[in-house]
Amino acid sequence: MPNEFGRWAAASLETVAWRGRRVRVPPLDLRLAIARRRGLTDRAAVIRGLMR
């Protein structure tokens, strides 16, 4: 079951630029799986749009 905590999530963090800084964040595919599991359909749709 995907979640945003734990070894796999920590090992898969990606670095992105945000407001002139570099920030480590979970990958979108992990965030999408979590949103789907939690029934957050609007959030899942936004994430799918960002993945295109």
PDB file of N, CA and C in Angstrom:
ATOM      1  N   MET A   1       0.852  -1.175   0.000  1.00  0.00           N
ATOM      2  CA  MET A   1       0.000   0.000   0.000  1.00  0.00           C
ATOM      3  C   MET A   1       0.901   1.242   0.000  1.00  0.00           C
ATOM      4  N   PRO A   2       0.766   2.135  -0.973  1.00  0.00           N
ATOM      5  CA  PRO A   2       1.645   3.297  -1.039  1.00  0.00           C
ATOM      6  C   PRO A   2       1.350   4.301   0.073  1.00  0.00           C
ATOM      7  N   ASN A   3       2.395   4.911   0.562  1.00  0.00           N
ATOM      8  CA  ASN A   3       2.243   6.028   1.492  1.00  0.00           C
ATOM      9  C   ASN A   3       3.434   6.958   1.339  1.00  0.00           C
ATOM     10  N   GLU A   4       3.320   8.149   1.894  1.00  0.00           N
ATOM     11  CA  GLU A   4       4.366   9.152   1.707  1.00  0.00           C
ATOM     12  C   GLU A   4       5.454   9.087   2.761  1.00  0.00           C
ATOM     13  N   PHE A   5       5.431   8.040   3.586  1.00  0.00           N
ATOM     14  CA  PHE A   5       6.437   7.849   4.622  1.00  0.00           C
ATOM     15  C   PHE A   5       7.140   6.520   4.402  1.00  0.00           C
ATOM     16  N   GLY A   6       8.229   6.323   5.034  1.00  0.00           N
ATOM     17  CA  GLY A   6       8.912   5.046   4.964  1.00  0.00           C
ATOM     18  C   GLY A   6      10.123   5.066   4.063  1.00  0.00           C
ATOM     19  N   ARG A   7      10.784   3.915   4.033  1.00  0.00           N
ATOM     20  CA  ARG A   7      12.046   3.808   3.303  1.00  0.00           C
ATOM     21  C   ARG A   7      11.884   4.024   1.806  1.00  0.00           C
ATOM     22  N   TRP A   8      10.837   3.395   1.211  1.00  0.00           N
ATOM     23  CA  TRP A   8      10.673   3.525  -0.242  1.00  0.00           C
ATOM     24  C   TRP A   8      10.421   4.979  -0.622  1.00  0.00           C
ATOM     25  N   ALA A   9       9.554   5.659   0.117  1.00  0.00           N
ATOM     26  CA  ALA A   9       9.263   7.061  -0.180  1.00  0.00           C
ATOM     27  C   ALA A   9      10.518   7.911  -0.018  1.00  0.00           C
ATOM     28  N   ALA A  10      11.264   7.692   1.049  1.00  0.00           N
ATOM     29  CA  ALA A  10      12.486   8.459   1.277  1.00  0.00           C
ATOM     30  C   ALA A  10      13.511   8.202   0.176  1.00  0.00           C
ATOM     31  N   ALA A  11      13.598   6.960  -0.275  1.00  0.00           N
ATOM     32  CA  ALA A  11      14.566   6.614  -1.312  1.00  0.00           C
ATOM     33  C   ALA A  11      14.168   7.143  -2.683  1.00  0.00           C
ATOM     34  N   SER A  12      12.903   7.469  -2.878  1.00  0.00           N
ATOM     35  CA  SER A  12      12.443   7.882  -4.209  1.00  0.00           C
ATOM     36  C   SER A  12      12.221   9.389  -4.327  1.00  0.00           C
ATOM     37  N   LEU A  13      12.613  10.164  -3.330  1.00  0.00           N
ATOM     38  CA  LEU A  13      12.420  11.612  -3.399  1.00  0.00           C
ATOM     39  C   LEU A  13      13.124  12.189  -4.615  1.00  0.00           C
ATOM     40  N   GLU A  14      12.490  13.193  -5.216  1.00  0.00           N
ATOM     41  CA  GLU A  14      13.057  13.891  -6.367  1.00  0.00           C
ATOM     42  C   GLU A  14      13.330  15.331  -5.968  1.00  0.00           C
ATOM     43  N   THR A  15      14.311  15.941  -6.589  1.00  0.00           N
ATOM     44  CA  THR A  15      14.637  17.334  -6.308  1.00  0.00           C
ATOM     45  C   THR A  15      14.040  18.205  -7.405  1.00  0.00           C
ATOM     46  N   VAL A  16      13.287  19.228  -6.985  1.00  0.00           N
ATOM     47  CA  VAL A  16      12.688  20.172  -7.930  1.00  0.00           C
ATOM     48  C   VAL A  16      13.064  21.592  -7.522  1.00  0.00           C
ATOM     49  N   ALA A  17      13.034  22.498  -8.482  1.00  0.00           N
ATOM     50  CA  ALA A  17      13.282  23.911  -8.203  1.00  0.00           C
ATOM     51  C   ALA A  17      11.956  24.571  -7.851  1.00  0.00           C
ATOM     52  N   TRP A  18      11.965  25.344  -6.780  1.00  0.00           N
ATOM     53  CA  TRP A  18      10.758  26.063  -6.352  1.00  0.00           C
ATOM     54  C   TRP A  18      11.182  27.379  -5.733  1.00  0.00           C
ATOM     55  N   ARG A  19      10.763  28.475  -6.364  1.00  0.00           N
ATOM     56  CA  ARG A  19      11.067  29.826  -5.878  1.00  0.00           C
ATOM     57  C   ARG A  19      12.559  30.014  -5.594  1.00  0.00           C
ATOM     58  N   GLY A  20      13.357  29.552  -6.522  1.00  0.00           N
ATOM     59  CA  GLY A  20      14.797  29.725  -6.410  1.00  0.00           C
ATOM     60  C   GLY A  20      15.485  28.765  -5.452  1.00  0.00           C
ATOM     61  N   ARG A  21      14.772  27.803  -4.952  1.00  0.00           N
ATOM     62  CA  ARG A  21      15.354  26.816  -4.029  1.00  0.00           C
ATOM     63  C   ARG A  21      15.185  25.428  -4.605  1.00  0.00           C
ATOM     64  N   ARG A  22      15.978  24.509  -4.103  1.00  0.00           N
ATOM     65  CA  ARG A  22      15.858  23.115  -4.501  1.00  0.00           C
ATOM     66  C   ARG A  22      15.197  22.376  -3.352  1.00  0.00           C
ATOM     67  N   VAL A  23      14.093  21.693  -3.653  1.00  0.00           N
ATOM     68  CA  VAL A  23      13.277  21.028  -2.640  1.00  0.00           C
ATOM     69  C   VAL A  23      13.124  19.551  -3.015  1.00  0.00           C
ATOM     70  N   ARG A  24      13.265  18.671  -2.032  1.00  0.00           N
ATOM     71  CA  ARG A  24      13.070  17.242  -2.275  1.00  0.00           C
ATOM     72  C   ARG A  24      11.617  16.897  -1.990  1.00  0.00           C
ATOM     73  N   VAL A  25      10.971  16.242  -2.966  1.00  0.00           N
ATOM     74  CA  VAL A  25       9.543  15.916  -2.882  1.00  0.00           C
ATOM     75  C   VAL A  25       9.302  14.489  -3.360  1.00  0.00           C
ATOM     76  N   PRO A  26       8.189  13.885  -2.913  1.00  0.00           N
ATOM     77  CA  PRO A  26       7.841  12.552  -3.424  1.00  0.00           C
ATOM     78  C   PRO A  26       7.485  12.643  -4.910  1.00  0.00           C
ATOM     79  N   PRO A  27       7.756  11.605  -5.684  1.00  0.00           N
ATOM     80  CA  PRO A  27       7.412  11.623  -7.107  1.00  0.00           C
ATOM     81  C   PRO A  27       5.893  11.652  -7.312  1.00  0.00           C
ATOM     82  N   LEU A  28       5.482  12.195  -8.456  1.00  0.00           N
ATOM     83  CA  LEU A  28       4.056  12.341  -8.729  1.00  0.00           C
ATOM     84  C   LEU A  28       3.327  11.005  -8.780  1.00  0.00           C
ATOM     85  N   ASP A  29       3.984   9.957  -9.270  1.00  0.00           N
ATOM     86  CA  ASP A  29       3.282   8.673  -9.326  1.00  0.00           C
ATOM     87  C   ASP A  29       2.942   8.166  -7.927  1.00  0.00           C
ATOM     88  N   LEU A  30       3.793   8.427  -6.956  1.00  0.00           N
ATOM     89  CA  LEU A  30       3.495   8.058  -5.572  1.00  0.00           C
ATOM     90  C   LEU A  30       2.354   8.919  -5.029  1.00  0.00           C
ATOM     91  N   ARG A  31       2.402  10.210  -5.293  1.00  0.00           N
ATOM     92  CA  ARG A  31       1.339  11.111  -4.826  1.00  0.00           C
ATOM     93  C   ARG A  31       0.000  10.727  -5.465  1.00  0.00           C
ATOM     94  N   LEU A  32       0.016  10.329  -6.739  1.00  0.00           N
ATOM     95  CA  LEU A  32      -1.205   9.905  -7.419  1.00  0.00           C
ATOM     96  C   LEU A  32      -1.777   8.653  -6.765  1.00  0.00           C
ATOM     97  N   ALA A  33      -0.943   7.671  -6.492  1.00  0.00           N
ATOM     98  CA  ALA A  33      -1.414   6.439  -5.857  1.00  0.00           C
ATOM     99  C   ALA A  33      -2.022   6.730  -4.487  1.00  0.00           C
ATOM    100  N   ILE A  34      -1.424   7.629  -3.741  1.00  0.00           N
ATOM    101  CA  ILE A  34      -1.932   7.985  -2.414  1.00  0.00           C
ATOM    102  C   ILE A  34      -3.277   8.695  -2.535  1.00  0.00           C
ATOM    103  N   ALA A  35      -3.366   9.644  -3.469  1.00  0.00           N
ATOM    104  CA  ALA A  35      -4.626  10.379  -3.663  1.00  0.00           C
ATOM    105  C   ALA A  35      -5.749   9.419  -4.055  1.00  0.00           C
ATOM    106  N   ARG A  36      -5.457   8.485  -4.954  1.00  0.00           N
ATOM    107  CA  ARG A  36      -6.471   7.503  -5.367  1.00  0.00           C
ATOM    108  C   ARG A  36      -6.910   6.650  -4.179  1.00  0.00           C
ATOM    109  N   ARG A  37      -5.944   6.162  -3.408  1.00  0.00           N
ATOM    110  CA  ARG A  37      -6.264   5.310  -2.270  1.00  0.00           C
ATOM    111  C   ARG A  37      -7.131   6.044  -1.250  1.00  0.00           C
ATOM    112  N   ARG A  38      -6.901   7.326  -1.089  1.00  0.00           N
ATOM    113  CA  ARG A  38      -7.650   8.118  -0.117  1.00  0.00           C
ATOM    114  C   ARG A  38      -8.969   8.636  -0.679  1.00  0.00           C
ATOM    115  N   GLY A  39      -9.247   8.357  -1.951  1.00  0.00           N
ATOM    116  CA  GLY A  39     -10.497   8.796  -2.563  1.00  0.00           C
ATOM    117  C   GLY A  39     -10.514  10.274  -2.920  1.00  0.00           C
ATOM    118  N   LEU A  40      -9.339  10.878  -3.081  1.00  0.00           N
ATOM    119  CA  LEU A  40      -9.231  12.301  -3.409  1.00  0.00           C
ATOM    120  C   LEU A  40      -9.231  12.468  -4.928  1.00  0.00           C
ATOM    121  N   THR A  41     -10.418  12.331  -5.514  1.00  0.00           N
ATOM    122  CA  THR A  41     -10.521  12.293  -6.973  1.00  0.00           C
ATOM    123  C   THR A  41     -10.116  13.609  -7.628  1.00  0.00           C
ATOM    124  N   ASP A  42     -10.455  14.738  -7.032  1.00  0.00           N
ATOM    125  CA  ASP A  42     -10.057  16.030  -7.608  1.00  0.00           C
ATOM    126  C   ASP A  42      -8.537  16.179  -7.596  1.00  0.00           C
ATOM    127  N   ARG A  43      -7.914  15.822  -6.483  1.00  0.00           N
ATOM    128  CA  ARG A  43      -6.457  15.913  -6.386  1.00  0.00           C
ATOM    129  C   ARG A  43      -5.803  14.953  -7.370  1.00  0.00           C
ATOM    130  N   ALA A  44      -6.355  13.751  -7.505  1.00  0.00           N
ATOM    131  CA  ALA A  44      -5.800  12.774  -8.444  1.00  0.00           C
ATOM    132  C   ALA A  44      -5.878  13.304  -9.869  1.00  0.00           C
ATOM    133  N   ALA A  45      -6.960  13.970 -10.210  1.00  0.00           N
ATOM    134  CA  ALA A  45      -7.098  14.528 -11.556  1.00  0.00           C
ATOM    135  C   ALA A  45      -6.057  15.609 -11.811  1.00  0.00           C
ATOM    136  N   VAL A  46      -5.785  16.439 -10.837  1.00  0.00           N
ATOM    137  CA  VAL A  46      -4.761  17.486 -10.985  1.00  0.00           C
ATOM    138  C   VAL A  46      -3.390  16.851 -11.173  1.00  0.00           C
ATOM    139  N   ILE A  47      -3.095  15.839 -10.375  1.00  0.00           N
ATOM    140  CA  ILE A  47      -1.802  15.159 -10.478  1.00  0.00           C
ATOM    141  C   ILE A  47      -1.656  14.508 -11.848  1.00  0.00           C
ATOM    142  N   ARG A  48      -2.718  13.837 -12.326  1.00  0.00           N
ATOM    143  CA  ARG A  48      -2.665  13.229 -13.672  1.00  0.00           C
ATOM    144  C   ARG A  48      -2.399  14.296 -14.718  1.00  0.00           C
ATOM    145  N   GLY A  49      -3.001  15.478 -14.587  1.00  0.00           N
ATOM    146  CA  GLY A  49      -2.765  16.570 -15.526  1.00  0.00           C
ATOM    147  C   GLY A  49      -1.314  17.029 -15.514  1.00  0.00           C
ATOM    148  N   LEU A  50      -0.703  17.052 -14.347  1.00  0.00           N
ATOM    149  CA  LEU A  50       0.698  17.466 -14.235  1.00  0.00           C
ATOM    150  C   LEU A  50       1.653  16.434 -14.822  1.00  0.00           C
ATOM    151  N   MET A  51       1.204  15.187 -14.845  1.00  0.00           N
ATOM    152  CA  MET A  51       2.052  14.109 -15.357  1.00  0.00           C
ATOM    153  C   MET A  51       2.072  14.046 -16.883  1.00  0.00           C
ATOM    154  N   ARG A  52       1.202  14.762 -17.536  1.00  0.00           N
ATOM    155  CA  ARG A  52       1.141  14.719 -19.009  1.00  0.00           C
ATOM    156  C   ARG A  52       2.240  15.524 -19.629  1.00  0.00           C
TER     157      ARG A  52
END
